[in-house]
Amino acid sequence: MKKLFTLLALLLMFSGFAQDKDGWQDWEKTSCYSKIMFRLKYQGKNGERHIWKVQFRSGYDSTISFNYRVADDNPDNQPTTHRKVLYGKAVSTESEIYADTENIFLIVDKVSLSAYPQDFITCE
């Protein structure tokens, strides 16, 4: 009985750990802004497209906004296509992204220390 209880406790501990991670990669800093972090979660394929989820976390004390794009090829000279607003020290909701390949890049630019796309701060 003692062995059964120990085994059950171990299984519950490992299942709880798996649920906490839930397939998300670790938080990473963006290449240019150390106070904006992101994490990705691969969802699989739908037809020929790869499905990803992205989530952002702000290290700024006040509201920020920024442009972002997930690219599945060379990210140079391609415009960002989405804008996100985050309150101070907040974590965003999940956004779904579709890509042609499983290897992707995340590009963040045009960061503003307000909810509006104005007075952009430079890359650190």
N, C-alpha and C. Protein backbone atom coordinates (compact mmCIF):
# COMPACT_ATOMS: atom_id res chain seq x y z
N MET A 1 0.82 -1.19 0.00
CA MET A 1 0.00 0.00 0.00
C MET A 1 0.87 1.26 0.00
N LYS A 2 1.97 1.22 0.74
CA LYS A 2 2.87 2.36 0.81
C LYS A 2 3.47 2.64 -0.57
N LYS A 3 3.83 1.57 -1.30
CA LYS A 3 4.38 1.73 -2.65
C LYS A 3 3.35 2.33 -3.60
N LEU A 4 2.10 1.89 -3.48
CA LEU A 4 1.03 2.42 -4.32
C LEU A 4 0.83 3.91 -4.06
N PHE A 5 0.84 4.32 -2.80
CA PHE A 5 0.68 5.73 -2.44
C PHE A 5 1.84 6.56 -3.01
N THR A 6 3.08 6.05 -2.88
CA THR A 6 4.25 6.76 -3.40
C THR A 6 4.16 6.89 -4.91
N LEU A 7 3.76 5.82 -5.60
CA LEU A 7 3.62 5.85 -7.05
C LEU A 7 2.55 6.85 -7.47
N LEU A 8 1.42 6.86 -6.77
CA LEU A 8 0.35 7.80 -7.07
C LEU A 8 0.81 9.24 -6.86
N ALA A 9 1.54 9.49 -5.78
CA ALA A 9 2.05 10.84 -5.50
C ALA A 9 3.00 11.29 -6.61
N LEU A 10 3.88 10.40 -7.07
CA LEU A 10 4.81 10.73 -8.16
C LEU A 10 4.07 11.03 -9.45
N LEU A 11 3.07 10.23 -9.77
CA LEU A 11 2.29 10.46 -10.99
C LEU A 11 1.57 11.80 -10.95
N LEU A 12 1.00 12.13 -9.81
CA LEU A 12 0.32 13.42 -9.68
C LEU A 12 1.31 14.58 -9.81
N MET A 13 2.49 14.43 -9.25
CA MET A 13 3.49 15.47 -9.32
C MET A 13 3.92 15.70 -10.77
N PHE A 14 4.18 14.61 -11.51
CA PHE A 14 4.60 14.75 -12.91
C PHE A 14 3.48 15.26 -13.79
N SER A 15 2.26 14.85 -13.56
CA SER A 15 1.15 15.34 -14.38
C SER A 15 0.91 16.82 -14.11
N GLY A 16 1.09 17.27 -12.88
CA GLY A 16 0.97 18.69 -12.57
C GLY A 16 2.04 19.50 -13.26
N PHE A 17 3.26 18.98 -13.34
CA PHE A 17 4.35 19.67 -14.01
C PHE A 17 4.05 19.79 -15.50
N ALA A 18 3.55 18.75 -16.11
CA ALA A 18 3.24 18.76 -17.54
C ALA A 18 2.15 19.78 -17.83
N GLN A 19 1.18 19.91 -16.95
CA GLN A 19 0.11 20.87 -17.17
C GLN A 19 0.62 22.30 -17.03
N ASP A 20 1.55 22.53 -16.12
CA ASP A 20 2.11 23.87 -15.98
C ASP A 20 2.85 24.29 -17.24
N LYS A 21 3.65 23.40 -17.78
CA LYS A 21 4.42 23.70 -18.99
C LYS A 21 3.49 23.80 -20.19
N ASP A 22 2.58 22.88 -20.34
CA ASP A 22 1.52 22.89 -21.36
C ASP A 22 2.03 23.13 -22.78
N GLY A 23 3.23 22.70 -23.09
CA GLY A 23 3.75 22.81 -24.45
C GLY A 23 4.39 24.13 -24.80
N TRP A 24 4.37 25.10 -23.91
CA TRP A 24 4.99 26.40 -24.18
C TRP A 24 6.51 26.31 -24.05
N GLN A 25 7.20 26.99 -24.94
CA GLN A 25 8.64 27.14 -24.80
C GLN A 25 8.93 28.11 -23.66
N ASP A 26 10.18 28.16 -23.21
CA ASP A 26 10.56 29.10 -22.16
C ASP A 26 10.45 30.53 -22.67
N TRP A 27 10.26 31.47 -21.73
CA TRP A 27 10.23 32.89 -22.07
C TRP A 27 11.59 33.30 -22.61
N GLU A 28 11.60 34.11 -23.68
CA GLU A 28 12.83 34.62 -24.28
C GLU A 28 12.71 36.13 -24.44
N LYS A 29 13.85 36.81 -24.36
CA LYS A 29 13.86 38.25 -24.65
C LYS A 29 13.80 38.43 -26.16
N THR A 30 13.16 39.51 -26.58
CA THR A 30 13.20 39.83 -28.00
C THR A 30 14.61 40.29 -28.35
N SER A 31 14.95 40.24 -29.61
CA SER A 31 16.33 40.53 -30.01
C SER A 31 16.71 41.98 -29.76
N CYS A 32 15.77 42.87 -29.66
CA CYS A 32 16.08 44.28 -29.56
C CYS A 32 15.65 44.94 -28.25
N TYR A 33 14.65 44.41 -27.61
CA TYR A 33 14.08 45.05 -26.42
C TYR A 33 14.07 44.05 -25.27
N SER A 34 14.96 44.24 -24.32
CA SER A 34 15.15 43.26 -23.25
C SER A 34 13.97 43.19 -22.28
N LYS A 35 13.11 44.20 -22.28
CA LYS A 35 11.97 44.18 -21.36
C LYS A 35 10.70 43.62 -22.00
N ILE A 36 10.80 43.18 -23.24
CA ILE A 36 9.67 42.52 -23.90
C ILE A 36 10.08 41.07 -24.12
N MET A 37 9.34 40.17 -23.49
CA MET A 37 9.63 38.74 -23.59
C MET A 37 8.50 38.07 -24.36
N PHE A 38 8.81 36.92 -24.94
CA PHE A 38 7.80 36.17 -25.66
C PHE A 38 8.01 34.68 -25.43
N ARG A 39 6.98 33.91 -25.71
CA ARG A 39 7.10 32.46 -25.73
C ARG A 39 6.19 31.93 -26.82
N LEU A 40 6.59 30.78 -27.36
CA LEU A 40 5.87 30.17 -28.47
C LEU A 40 5.39 28.78 -28.10
N LYS A 41 4.33 28.38 -28.75
CA LYS A 41 3.79 27.04 -28.56
C LYS A 41 3.39 26.49 -29.92
N TYR A 42 3.99 25.38 -30.31
CA TYR A 42 3.67 24.76 -31.59
C TYR A 42 2.40 23.94 -31.47
N GLN A 43 1.44 24.19 -32.35
CA GLN A 43 0.15 23.53 -32.30
C GLN A 43 0.01 22.39 -33.32
N GLY A 44 0.97 22.28 -34.26
CA GLY A 44 0.87 21.25 -35.29
C GLY A 44 0.55 21.87 -36.64
N LYS A 45 0.02 21.05 -37.52
CA LYS A 45 -0.27 21.51 -38.87
C LYS A 45 -1.78 21.48 -39.14
N ASN A 46 -2.19 22.39 -39.99
CA ASN A 46 -3.54 22.40 -40.53
C ASN A 46 -3.37 22.46 -42.04
N GLY A 47 -3.51 21.33 -42.70
CA GLY A 47 -3.20 21.26 -44.12
C GLY A 47 -1.70 21.41 -44.30
N GLU A 48 -1.29 22.39 -45.07
CA GLU A 48 0.14 22.64 -45.30
C GLU A 48 0.71 23.70 -44.37
N ARG A 49 -0.11 24.36 -43.60
CA ARG A 49 0.34 25.45 -42.73
C ARG A 49 0.65 24.95 -41.32
N HIS A 50 1.70 25.50 -40.72
CA HIS A 50 2.07 25.22 -39.34
C HIS A 50 1.38 26.25 -38.45
N ILE A 51 0.83 25.80 -37.33
CA ILE A 51 0.11 26.68 -36.43
C ILE A 51 0.94 26.88 -35.16
N TRP A 52 1.13 28.14 -34.79
CA TRP A 52 1.86 28.52 -33.59
C TRP A 52 0.97 29.42 -32.74
N LYS A 53 1.21 29.42 -31.45
CA LYS A 53 0.64 30.42 -30.56
C LYS A 53 1.80 31.23 -30.01
N VAL A 54 1.59 32.52 -29.84
CA VAL A 54 2.60 33.40 -29.27
C VAL A 54 1.96 34.17 -28.12
N GLN A 55 2.77 34.42 -27.10
CA GLN A 55 2.33 35.18 -25.94
C GLN A 55 3.46 36.12 -25.56
N PHE A 56 3.12 37.34 -25.15
CA PHE A 56 4.11 38.36 -24.78
C PHE A 56 4.00 38.69 -23.31
N ARG A 57 5.13 39.14 -22.74
CA ARG A 57 5.17 39.59 -21.35
C ARG A 57 5.99 40.88 -21.31
N SER A 58 5.46 41.88 -20.63
CA SER A 58 6.12 43.18 -20.54
C SER A 58 6.86 43.32 -19.22
N GLY A 59 8.06 43.85 -19.29
CA GLY A 59 8.83 44.18 -18.10
C GLY A 59 8.78 45.67 -17.79
N TYR A 60 8.04 46.41 -18.59
CA TYR A 60 7.89 47.85 -18.37
C TYR A 60 6.85 48.10 -17.28
N ASP A 61 7.02 49.19 -16.54
CA ASP A 61 6.08 49.54 -15.47
C ASP A 61 4.79 50.14 -16.02
N SER A 62 4.86 50.76 -17.19
CA SER A 62 3.69 51.42 -17.76
C SER A 62 3.25 50.71 -19.04
N THR A 63 2.17 51.19 -19.61
CA THR A 63 1.61 50.63 -20.84
C THR A 63 2.60 50.81 -21.99
N ILE A 64 2.71 49.78 -22.82
CA ILE A 64 3.53 49.85 -24.03
C ILE A 64 2.70 49.33 -25.20
N SER A 65 3.17 49.63 -26.40
CA SER A 65 2.62 49.02 -27.60
C SER A 65 3.77 48.76 -28.56
N PHE A 66 3.58 47.77 -29.42
CA PHE A 66 4.65 47.41 -30.35
C PHE A 66 4.07 46.63 -31.52
N ASN A 67 4.82 46.61 -32.61
CA ASN A 67 4.48 45.79 -33.77
C ASN A 67 5.21 44.47 -33.64
N TYR A 68 4.61 43.41 -34.18
CA TYR A 68 5.29 42.12 -34.21
C TYR A 68 4.86 41.32 -35.42
N ARG A 69 5.72 40.38 -35.77
CA ARG A 69 5.44 39.48 -36.88
C ARG A 69 6.22 38.19 -36.65
N VAL A 70 5.62 37.09 -36.99
CA VAL A 70 6.33 35.82 -37.00
C VAL A 70 6.63 35.51 -38.45
N ALA A 71 7.91 35.38 -38.76
CA ALA A 71 8.33 35.12 -40.14
C ALA A 71 8.84 33.70 -40.26
N ASP A 72 8.56 33.09 -41.39
CA ASP A 72 9.03 31.74 -41.61
C ASP A 72 10.15 31.70 -42.64
N ASP A 73 10.73 32.85 -42.92
CA ASP A 73 11.88 32.92 -43.83
C ASP A 73 12.78 34.05 -43.34
N ASN A 74 13.66 34.54 -44.17
CA ASN A 74 14.57 35.61 -43.78
C ASN A 74 13.77 36.84 -43.35
N PRO A 75 13.94 37.27 -42.10
CA PRO A 75 13.11 38.36 -41.58
C PRO A 75 13.52 39.75 -42.04
N ASP A 76 14.60 39.90 -42.79
CA ASP A 76 15.08 41.22 -43.19
C ASP A 76 14.13 41.90 -44.17
N ASN A 77 13.94 43.20 -43.96
CA ASN A 77 13.19 44.05 -44.88
C ASN A 77 11.75 43.60 -45.13
N GLN A 78 11.11 43.02 -44.16
CA GLN A 78 9.71 42.67 -44.30
C GLN A 78 8.92 43.40 -43.22
N PRO A 79 7.79 43.97 -43.58
CA PRO A 79 7.05 44.76 -42.59
C PRO A 79 6.41 43.90 -41.50
N THR A 80 6.32 44.47 -40.29
CA THR A 80 5.58 43.80 -39.23
C THR A 80 4.10 43.99 -39.51
N THR A 81 3.29 43.06 -39.05
CA THR A 81 1.89 43.08 -39.48
C THR A 81 0.88 43.14 -38.35
N HIS A 82 1.29 43.01 -37.10
CA HIS A 82 0.35 43.02 -35.98
C HIS A 82 0.81 44.06 -34.96
N ARG A 83 -0.13 44.64 -34.24
CA ARG A 83 0.21 45.60 -33.17
C ARG A 83 -0.41 45.08 -31.88
N LYS A 84 0.37 45.16 -30.80
CA LYS A 84 -0.06 44.65 -29.49
C LYS A 84 0.10 45.77 -28.47
N VAL A 85 -0.87 45.88 -27.57
CA VAL A 85 -0.81 46.81 -26.44
C VAL A 85 -0.76 45.97 -25.18
N LEU A 86 0.20 46.29 -24.30
CA LEU A 86 0.32 45.59 -23.02
C LEU A 86 0.40 46.61 -21.89
N TYR A 87 -0.33 46.34 -20.84
CA TYR A 87 -0.23 47.18 -19.64
C TYR A 87 1.03 46.82 -18.89
N GLY A 88 1.45 47.66 -17.97
CA GLY A 88 2.68 47.45 -17.23
C GLY A 88 2.75 46.08 -16.55
N LYS A 89 3.87 45.39 -16.73
CA LYS A 89 4.15 44.09 -16.12
C LYS A 89 3.09 43.02 -16.45
N ALA A 90 2.42 43.15 -17.58
CA ALA A 90 1.33 42.24 -17.94
C ALA A 90 1.79 41.14 -18.89
N VAL A 91 0.98 40.08 -18.96
CA VAL A 91 1.16 38.99 -19.92
C VAL A 91 -0.02 39.04 -20.88
N SER A 92 0.26 38.95 -22.16
CA SER A 92 -0.81 39.05 -23.16
C SER A 92 -1.61 37.76 -23.25
N THR A 93 -2.73 37.85 -23.90
CA THR A 93 -3.49 36.66 -24.27
C THR A 93 -2.75 35.97 -25.41
N GLU A 94 -3.12 34.76 -25.71
CA GLU A 94 -2.48 34.01 -26.79
C GLU A 94 -2.97 34.52 -28.14
N SER A 95 -2.05 34.61 -29.09
CA SER A 95 -2.40 34.94 -30.47
C SER A 95 -1.98 33.77 -31.34
N GLU A 96 -2.79 33.45 -32.33
CA GLU A 96 -2.49 32.33 -33.21
C GLU A 96 -1.84 32.84 -34.48
N ILE A 97 -0.78 32.15 -34.90
CA ILE A 97 -0.01 32.53 -36.07
C ILE A 97 0.09 31.32 -37.00
N TYR A 98 -0.02 31.56 -38.30
CA TYR A 98 0.14 30.50 -39.29
C TYR A 98 1.41 30.76 -40.09
N ALA A 99 2.18 29.70 -40.33
CA ALA A 99 3.45 29.83 -41.06
C ALA A 99 3.58 28.68 -42.07
N ASP A 100 4.40 28.91 -43.09
CA ASP A 100 4.61 27.89 -44.11
C ASP A 100 5.61 26.82 -43.67
N THR A 101 6.48 27.13 -42.72
CA THR A 101 7.46 26.16 -42.24
C THR A 101 7.41 26.08 -40.71
N GLU A 102 8.06 25.06 -40.19
CA GLU A 102 8.10 24.89 -38.74
C GLU A 102 9.16 25.78 -38.08
N ASN A 103 10.13 26.25 -38.85
CA ASN A 103 11.19 27.13 -38.33
C ASN A 103 10.76 28.57 -38.54
N ILE A 104 10.64 29.32 -37.45
CA ILE A 104 10.14 30.68 -37.56
C ILE A 104 11.02 31.65 -36.78
N PHE A 105 10.87 32.94 -37.10
CA PHE A 105 11.53 34.05 -36.41
C PHE A 105 10.45 34.94 -35.85
N LEU A 106 10.71 35.58 -34.71
CA LEU A 106 9.78 36.56 -34.17
C LEU A 106 10.44 37.93 -34.26
N ILE A 107 9.77 38.88 -34.89
CA ILE A 107 10.30 40.22 -35.05
C ILE A 107 9.41 41.18 -34.27
N VAL A 108 10.02 42.00 -33.43
CA VAL A 108 9.31 43.04 -32.68
C VAL A 108 9.97 44.36 -33.00
N ASP A 109 9.16 45.37 -33.35
CA ASP A 109 9.70 46.71 -33.61
C ASP A 109 8.64 47.75 -33.32
N LYS A 110 8.99 49.00 -33.56
CA LYS A 110 8.10 50.14 -33.34
C LYS A 110 7.47 50.12 -31.95
N VAL A 111 8.34 50.01 -30.94
CA VAL A 111 7.90 50.00 -29.54
C VAL A 111 7.66 51.44 -29.09
N SER A 112 6.52 51.64 -28.46
CA SER A 112 6.14 52.94 -27.94
C SER A 112 5.79 52.81 -26.46
N LEU A 113 6.15 53.79 -25.67
CA LEU A 113 5.81 53.77 -24.24
C LEU A 113 4.42 54.36 -24.01
N SER A 114 3.51 54.02 -24.89
CA SER A 114 2.10 54.39 -24.76
C SER A 114 1.29 53.36 -25.56
N ALA A 115 -0.01 53.50 -25.52
CA ALA A 115 -0.87 52.58 -26.26
C ALA A 115 -0.96 52.96 -27.74
N TYR A 116 -0.33 54.06 -28.12
CA TYR A 116 -0.44 54.57 -29.48
C TYR A 116 0.89 54.43 -30.22
N PRO A 117 0.84 54.22 -31.52
CA PRO A 117 2.08 54.09 -32.30
C PRO A 117 2.71 55.46 -32.58
N GLN A 118 3.41 55.96 -31.56
CA GLN A 118 4.04 57.27 -31.66
C GLN A 118 5.28 57.29 -30.77
N ASP A 119 6.20 58.20 -31.06
CA ASP A 119 7.41 58.38 -30.26
C ASP A 119 8.08 57.03 -29.95
N PHE A 120 8.46 56.32 -31.00
CA PHE A 120 9.05 54.99 -30.86
C PHE A 120 10.39 55.05 -30.15
N ILE A 121 10.67 54.07 -29.30
CA ILE A 121 11.97 53.99 -28.64
C ILE A 121 12.91 53.17 -29.50
N THR A 122 14.19 53.48 -29.39
CA THR A 122 15.17 52.79 -30.22
C THR A 122 15.54 51.43 -29.63
N CYS A 123 16.08 50.63 -30.48
CA CYS A 123 16.54 49.30 -30.10
C CYS A 123 17.64 49.44 -29.05
N GLU A 124 17.62 48.58 -28.04
CA GLU A 124 18.63 48.65 -26.97
C GLU A 124 19.95 48.07 -27.42
